[in-house]
Amino acid sequence: MNRKDRTVYIMLTDYPDKVSRTIKRIGLWEYSHMSISTDEHYPKFFSFTGKRGFMTEDFDLHPTYKGTDVPCALFALPVTEAELRNVERIIKAHDLERRRI
């Protein structure tokens, strides 16, 4: 049975730096950055950045930029157990590669 009883969390953020403003203008988007988590308590998100590549983002309660809260939106995406394991496998592979470099 393919019940979607697991969750992947997607956080969109609007950082106020020059690169983010450019991304928003070009794409006509409200947010400039996306992070993903498979943890229901979502203390740790993962993302790619232009400067640092794959990275881990730890948010206490809310994302900040230079000590100031930034606008964000959090989405809960229902997934199957197999889909969740696939997302976790991909995150782990990127994390291992980052640590290897």
Protein backbone atom coordinates (compact mmCIF):
# COMPACT_ATOMS: atom_id res chain seq x y z
CA MET A 1 0.00 0.00 0.00
CA ASN A 2 1.33 3.47 -0.91
CA ARG A 3 -0.07 5.55 1.93
CA LYS A 4 1.36 9.04 2.11
CA ASP A 5 1.74 9.03 5.87
CA ARG A 6 5.24 10.49 6.00
CA THR A 7 6.23 14.14 5.49
CA VAL A 8 8.98 16.12 3.79
CA TYR A 9 9.24 19.77 4.85
CA ILE A 10 10.03 22.54 2.38
CA MET A 11 10.99 25.98 3.70
CA LEU A 12 11.05 28.98 1.40
CA THR A 13 12.92 32.05 2.64
CA ASP A 14 13.41 35.60 1.42
CA TYR A 15 16.93 36.63 2.37
CA PRO A 16 17.59 40.39 1.87
CA ASP A 17 20.99 40.12 0.16
CA LYS A 18 21.88 41.26 -3.38
CA VAL A 19 21.93 37.76 -4.87
CA SER A 20 18.49 36.98 -3.45
CA ARG A 21 17.01 40.23 -4.76
CA THR A 22 18.38 39.41 -8.22
CA ILE A 23 16.96 35.88 -8.12
CA LYS A 24 13.56 37.25 -7.12
CA ARG A 25 13.56 39.85 -9.91
CA ILE A 26 14.58 37.40 -12.62
CA GLY A 27 12.23 34.64 -11.52
CA LEU A 28 9.40 36.91 -10.36
CA TRP A 29 9.27 34.87 -7.14
CA GLU A 30 8.28 35.94 -3.66
CA TYR A 31 11.06 33.84 -2.06
CA SER A 32 14.67 33.40 -3.09
CA HIS A 33 15.85 30.28 -1.27
CA MET A 34 14.53 26.75 -0.66
CA SER A 35 15.55 24.24 2.02
CA ILE A 36 14.37 20.68 2.70
CA SER A 37 14.02 18.57 5.85
CA THR A 38 12.73 15.10 6.67
CA ASP A 39 12.63 15.69 10.44
CA GLU A 40 9.17 16.39 11.87
CA HIS A 41 10.73 18.72 14.43
CA TYR A 42 12.65 20.41 11.56
CA PRO A 43 15.67 21.73 13.46
CA LYS A 44 17.92 20.91 10.52
CA PHE A 45 17.33 21.78 6.87
CA PHE A 46 19.51 21.12 3.84
CA SER A 47 20.02 23.29 0.77
CA PHE A 48 22.35 24.30 -2.03
CA THR A 49 23.89 27.75 -2.22
CA GLY A 50 25.92 29.35 -4.95
CA LYS A 51 28.84 30.11 -2.67
CA ARG A 52 29.01 27.02 -0.46
CA GLY A 53 27.27 24.27 -2.42
CA PHE A 54 25.35 21.70 -0.35
CA MET A 55 24.98 22.83 3.24
CA THR A 56 23.16 22.18 6.49
CA GLU A 57 21.05 24.97 7.94
CA ASP A 58 20.18 24.92 11.62
CA PHE A 59 17.31 27.20 12.59
CA ASP A 60 16.46 27.70 16.25
CA LEU A 61 12.90 28.82 15.60
CA HIS A 62 13.06 31.06 12.56
CA PRO A 63 15.61 31.76 9.81
CA THR A 64 17.66 34.92 10.25
CA TYR A 65 19.98 37.06 8.18
CA LYS A 66 22.61 38.95 10.15
CA GLY A 67 20.52 38.57 13.32
CA THR A 68 17.24 39.75 11.78
CA ASP A 69 14.25 37.46 11.13
CA VAL A 70 13.47 36.96 7.45
CA PRO A 71 10.14 36.15 5.80
CA CYS A 72 9.61 32.44 5.25
CA ALA A 73 6.95 29.88 4.38
CA LEU A 74 6.95 26.27 5.58
CA PHE A 75 5.18 23.53 3.62
CA ALA A 76 4.53 19.95 4.68
CA LEU A 77 4.54 17.61 1.68
CA PRO A 78 2.91 14.20 2.26
CA VAL A 79 5.06 11.35 0.90
CA THR A 80 5.15 7.56 1.04
CA GLU A 81 7.72 5.71 3.15
CA ALA A 82 9.63 4.83 -0.06
CA GLU A 83 9.65 8.46 -1.21
CA LEU A 84 10.87 9.61 2.22
CA ARG A 85 13.70 7.05 2.18
CA ASN A 86 14.69 8.20 -1.32
CA VAL A 87 14.85 11.86 -0.20
CA GLU A 88 16.90 10.85 2.86
CA ARG A 89 19.24 8.77 0.65
CA ILE A 90 19.85 11.74 -1.67
CA ILE A 91 20.46 14.12 1.26
CA LYS A 92 22.88 11.65 2.86
CA ALA A 93 24.80 11.19 -0.41
CA HIS A 94 25.21 14.96 -0.83
CA ASP A 95 26.21 15.35 2.82
CA LEU A 96 28.83 12.59 2.54
CA GLU A 97 30.22 14.18 -0.63
CA ARG A 98 30.40 17.59 1.06
CA ARG A 99 32.29 16.11 4.02
CA ARG A 100 34.66 14.24 1.69
CA ILE A 101 35.73 17.44 -0.08
